[in-house]
Amino acid sequence: MDSNQYQKNEICDLLKSCWFVRSKNQVGDISFQKLEDTYVYFDSKILLSWFSEGTDKTIYFIHIGLEITNEIKDFFKCLDVDDTLKIIEEEDSVSNIDSRYVQRIDGFNPNIKINGLEYSLENINKFRSTFCGNFY
């Protein structure tokens, strides 16, 4: 990693830990959120449909009142703001399971969290059904 990339990563890590961004939740309430404590996305038709009417207090969308240019998007992406659904790999809570059984066919990992999945399955509609069906 060159020194410019290293400096950029250091600045991004610092901003993630202390920077607040104007955001809106799934029901449209606007607030300032610390990026380190929440999942913040760019609003896209797909993500808005996936999370619509949800009540997860950790899901927000950027709401800065500016047109999101590629330069602004690149800046926020370095702060882990994303335009695709986040999949979080979690540690295996059962350490005595033989690792051969934890990793499945084609690299499938059963220890993942998909933001909004539980709500979407409980409140299924045509979009969410199609989205889940095309996920893998």
C-alpha atoms as a PDB file:
ATOM      1  CA  MET A   1       0.000   0.000   0.000  1.00  0.00           C
ATOM      2  CA  ASP A   2       1.489   3.363  -0.967  1.00  0.00           C
ATOM      3  CA  SER A   3       1.687   6.259   1.497  1.00  0.00           C
ATOM      4  CA  ASN A   4      -1.212   8.200  -0.109  1.00  0.00           C
ATOM      5  CA  GLN A   5      -3.547   5.212   0.234  1.00  0.00           C
ATOM      6  CA  TYR A   6      -2.362   4.682   3.798  1.00  0.00           C
ATOM      7  CA  GLN A   7      -3.093   8.345   4.659  1.00  0.00           C
ATOM      8  CA  LYS A   8      -6.520   8.119   3.018  1.00  0.00           C
ATOM      9  CA  ASN A   9      -7.345   4.999   5.050  1.00  0.00           C
ATOM     10  CA  GLU A  10      -6.188   6.668   8.266  1.00  0.00           C
ATOM     11  CA  ILE A  11      -8.361   9.735   7.587  1.00  0.00           C
ATOM     12  CA  CYS A  12     -11.376   7.561   6.755  1.00  0.00           C
ATOM     13  CA  ASP A  13     -10.948   5.551   9.969  1.00  0.00           C
ATOM     14  CA  LEU A  14     -10.737   8.771  11.990  1.00  0.00           C
ATOM     15  CA  LEU A  15     -13.841  10.251  10.322  1.00  0.00           C
ATOM     16  CA  LYS A  16     -15.833   7.031  10.837  1.00  0.00           C
ATOM     17  CA  SER A  17     -15.222   7.201  14.552  1.00  0.00           C
ATOM     18  CA  CYS A  18     -16.165  10.846  15.083  1.00  0.00           C
ATOM     19  CA  TRP A  19     -18.136  12.172  12.121  1.00  0.00           C
ATOM     20  CA  PHE A  20     -21.910  12.628  12.033  1.00  0.00           C
ATOM     21  CA  VAL A  21     -23.871  12.677   8.792  1.00  0.00           C
ATOM     22  CA  ARG A  22     -27.377  13.936   8.055  1.00  0.00           C
ATOM     23  CA  SER A  23     -29.487  10.869   7.392  1.00  0.00           C
ATOM     24  CA  LYS A  24     -33.060   9.664   7.180  1.00  0.00           C
ATOM     25  CA  ASN A  25     -34.445   6.378   8.438  1.00  0.00           C
ATOM     26  CA  GLN A  26     -36.837   4.006   6.661  1.00  0.00           C
ATOM     27  CA  VAL A  27     -39.902   6.047   7.624  1.00  0.00           C
ATOM     28  CA  GLY A  28     -38.332   9.373   6.565  1.00  0.00           C
ATOM     29  CA  ASP A  29     -37.318  10.869   9.936  1.00  0.00           C
ATOM     30  CA  ILE A  30     -34.197  13.022   9.535  1.00  0.00           C
ATOM     31  CA  SER A  31     -31.396  13.004  12.102  1.00  0.00           C
ATOM     32  CA  PHE A  32     -27.623  13.128  12.437  1.00  0.00           C
ATOM     33  CA  GLN A  33     -26.042   9.690  12.767  1.00  0.00           C
ATOM     34  CA  LYS A  34     -22.575   8.626  13.756  1.00  0.00           C
ATOM     35  CA  LEU A  35     -21.312   6.431  10.942  1.00  0.00           C
ATOM     36  CA  GLU A  36     -19.580   4.036  13.314  1.00  0.00           C
ATOM     37  CA  ASP A  37     -22.859   3.135  15.094  1.00  0.00           C
ATOM     38  CA  THR A  38     -25.231   2.639  12.149  1.00  0.00           C
ATOM     39  CA  TYR A  39     -25.507   1.219   8.635  1.00  0.00           C
ATOM     40  CA  VAL A  40     -25.780   4.121   6.217  1.00  0.00           C
ATOM     41  CA  TYR A  41     -26.647   3.658   2.550  1.00  0.00           C
ATOM     42  CA  PHE A  42     -27.085   5.794  -0.526  1.00  0.00           C
ATOM     43  CA  ASP A  43     -30.766   5.771  -1.349  1.00  0.00           C
ATOM     44  CA  SER A  44     -31.537   3.698  -4.399  1.00  0.00           C
ATOM     45  CA  LYS A  45     -34.857   2.345  -5.603  1.00  0.00           C
ATOM     46  CA  ILE A  46     -33.814  -1.201  -4.684  1.00  0.00           C
ATOM     47  CA  LEU A  47     -32.610  -0.369  -1.161  1.00  0.00           C
ATOM     48  CA  LEU A  48     -35.568   1.913  -0.446  1.00  0.00           C
ATOM     49  CA  SER A  49     -37.923  -0.912  -1.483  1.00  0.00           C
ATOM     50  CA  TRP A  50     -36.010  -3.490   0.583  1.00  0.00           C
ATOM     51  CA  PHE A  51     -36.046  -1.386   3.758  1.00  0.00           C
ATOM     52  CA  SER A  52     -39.355   0.476   3.236  1.00  0.00           C
ATOM     53  CA  GLU A  53     -41.487   0.808   6.356  1.00  0.00           C
ATOM     54  CA  GLY A  54     -38.909  -1.058   8.442  1.00  0.00           C
ATOM     55  CA  THR A  55     -38.157   0.007  11.989  1.00  0.00           C
ATOM     56  CA  ASP A  56     -34.509  -1.048  12.386  1.00  0.00           C
ATOM     57  CA  LYS A  57     -32.873   1.806  14.293  1.00  0.00           C
ATOM     58  CA  THR A  58     -29.473   1.076  12.729  1.00  0.00           C
ATOM     59  CA  ILE A  59     -30.465   1.524   9.041  1.00  0.00           C
ATOM     60  CA  TYR A  60     -30.232   5.013   7.504  1.00  0.00           C
ATOM     61  CA  PHE A  61     -29.871   6.699   4.126  1.00  0.00           C
ATOM     62  CA  ILE A  62     -27.635   9.678   3.306  1.00  0.00           C
ATOM     63  CA  HIS A  63     -29.731  12.848   3.253  1.00  0.00           C
ATOM     64  CA  ILE A  64     -27.295  15.724   2.752  1.00  0.00           C
ATOM     65  CA  GLY A  65     -29.339  17.988   0.501  1.00  0.00           C
ATOM     66  CA  LEU A  66     -26.799  17.865  -2.337  1.00  0.00           C
ATOM     67  CA  GLU A  67     -26.698  16.021  -5.601  1.00  0.00           C
ATOM     68  CA  ILE A  68     -24.594  12.906  -5.024  1.00  0.00           C
ATOM     69  CA  THR A  69     -21.808  13.232  -7.582  1.00  0.00           C
ATOM     70  CA  ASN A  70     -19.207  10.514  -8.175  1.00  0.00           C
ATOM     71  CA  GLU A  71     -16.708  12.499  -6.099  1.00  0.00           C
ATOM     72  CA  ILE A  72     -19.118  12.734  -3.144  1.00  0.00           C
ATOM     73  CA  LYS A  73     -20.005   9.057  -3.538  1.00  0.00           C
ATOM     74  CA  ASP A  74     -16.322   8.042  -3.497  1.00  0.00           C
ATOM     75  CA  PHE A  75     -15.773  10.081  -0.326  1.00  0.00           C
ATOM     76  CA  PHE A  76     -18.717   8.472   1.479  1.00  0.00           C
ATOM     77  CA  LYS A  77     -17.768   4.989   0.246  1.00  0.00           C
ATOM     78  CA  CYS A  78     -14.451   5.299   2.059  1.00  0.00           C
ATOM     79  CA  LEU A  79     -16.594   5.849   5.186  1.00  0.00           C
ATOM     80  CA  ASP A  80     -18.464   2.562   4.541  1.00  0.00           C
ATOM     81  CA  VAL A  81     -21.587   4.208   3.105  1.00  0.00           C
ATOM     82  CA  ASP A  82     -22.733   1.797   0.444  1.00  0.00           C
ATOM     83  CA  ASP A  83     -25.171   1.515  -2.454  1.00  0.00           C
ATOM     84  CA  THR A  84     -25.593  -2.250  -2.172  1.00  0.00           C
ATOM     85  CA  LEU A  85     -27.054  -4.355   0.602  1.00  0.00           C
ATOM     86  CA  LYS A  86     -24.507  -5.075   3.320  1.00  0.00           C
ATOM     87  CA  ILE A  87     -23.808  -8.653   4.265  1.00  0.00           C
ATOM     88  CA  ILE A  88     -21.979  -9.019   7.548  1.00  0.00           C
ATOM     89  CA  GLU A  89     -20.069 -12.218   8.265  1.00  0.00           C
ATOM     90  CA  GLU A  90     -20.360 -13.119  11.926  1.00  0.00           C
ATOM     91  CA  GLU A  91     -18.032 -15.295  13.972  1.00  0.00           C
ATOM     92  CA  ASP A  92     -19.093 -18.859  14.630  1.00  0.00           C
ATOM     93  CA  SER A  93     -20.542 -18.886  18.139  1.00  0.00           C
ATOM     94  CA  VAL A  94     -20.011 -22.616  18.523  1.00  0.00           C
ATOM     95  CA  SER A  95     -16.263 -23.146  18.542  1.00  0.00           C
ATOM     96  CA  ASN A  96     -16.365 -26.944  18.960  1.00  0.00           C
ATOM     97  CA  ILE A  97     -17.962 -27.589  15.550  1.00  0.00           C
ATOM     98  CA  ASP A  98     -15.606 -29.187  13.060  1.00  0.00           C
ATOM     99  CA  SER A  99     -14.765 -26.490  10.479  1.00  0.00           C
ATOM    100  CA  ARG A 100     -15.580 -28.901   7.622  1.00  0.00           C
ATOM    101  CA  TYR A 101     -19.257 -28.559   8.529  1.00  0.00           C
ATOM    102  CA  VAL A 102     -19.296 -24.778   8.927  1.00  0.00           C
ATOM    103  CA  GLN A 103     -18.177 -23.890   5.410  1.00  0.00           C
ATOM    104  CA  ARG A 104     -20.678 -25.226   2.872  1.00  0.00           C
ATOM    105  CA  ILE A 105     -20.820 -25.905  -0.862  1.00  0.00           C
ATOM    106  CA  ASP A 106     -19.401 -23.154  -3.101  1.00  0.00           C
ATOM    107  CA  GLY A 107     -18.090 -21.209  -0.084  1.00  0.00           C
ATOM    108  CA  PHE A 108     -21.508 -20.637   1.514  1.00  0.00           C
ATOM    109  CA  ASN A 109     -21.104 -19.219   5.020  1.00  0.00           C
ATOM    110  CA  PRO A 110     -24.076 -19.879   7.337  1.00  0.00           C
ATOM    111  CA  ASN A 111     -22.894 -17.218   9.802  1.00  0.00           C
ATOM    112  CA  ILE A 112     -23.972 -14.071   7.993  1.00  0.00           C
ATOM    113  CA  LYS A 113     -26.327 -11.230   8.753  1.00  0.00           C
ATOM    114  CA  ILE A 114     -28.200  -9.489   5.937  1.00  0.00           C
ATOM    115  CA  ASN A 115     -29.540  -6.090   6.906  1.00  0.00           C
ATOM    116  CA  GLY A 116     -33.330  -6.077   6.836  1.00  0.00           C
ATOM    117  CA  LEU A 117     -33.760  -9.784   6.076  1.00  0.00           C
ATOM    118  CA  GLU A 118     -35.802 -10.678   9.149  1.00  0.00           C
ATOM    119  CA  TYR A 119     -38.200  -7.746   8.611  1.00  0.00           C
ATOM    120  CA  SER A 120     -38.467  -8.473   4.889  1.00  0.00           C
ATOM    121  CA  LEU A 121     -39.367 -12.115   5.461  1.00  0.00           C
ATOM    122  CA  GLU A 122     -41.980 -11.160   8.060  1.00  0.00           C
ATOM    123  CA  ASN A 123     -43.425  -8.485   5.725  1.00  0.00           C
ATOM    124  CA  ILE A 124     -42.997 -10.166   2.363  1.00  0.00           C
ATOM    125  CA  ASN A 125     -44.210  -8.545  -0.834  1.00  0.00           C
ATOM    126  CA  LYS A 126     -43.558  -9.211  -4.519  1.00  0.00           C
ATOM    127  CA  PHE A 127     -40.371  -7.115  -4.626  1.00  0.00           C
ATOM    128  CA  ARG A 128     -38.853  -8.673  -1.505  1.00  0.00           C
ATOM    129  CA  SER A 129     -39.766 -12.166  -2.650  1.00  0.00           C
ATOM    130  CA  THR A 130     -38.083 -11.593  -6.019  1.00  0.00           C
ATOM    131  CA  PHE A 131     -35.078  -9.949  -4.372  1.00  0.00           C
ATOM    132  CA  CYS A 132     -34.581 -12.897  -1.988  1.00  0.00           C
ATOM    133  CA  GLY A 133     -35.033 -15.371  -4.835  1.00  0.00           C
ATOM    134  CA  ASN A 134     -32.327 -13.667  -6.904  1.00  0.00           C
ATOM    135  CA  PHE A 135     -29.982 -13.054  -3.991  1.00  0.00           C
ATOM    136  CA  TYR A 136     -27.692 -16.029  -4.471  1.00  0.00           C
END
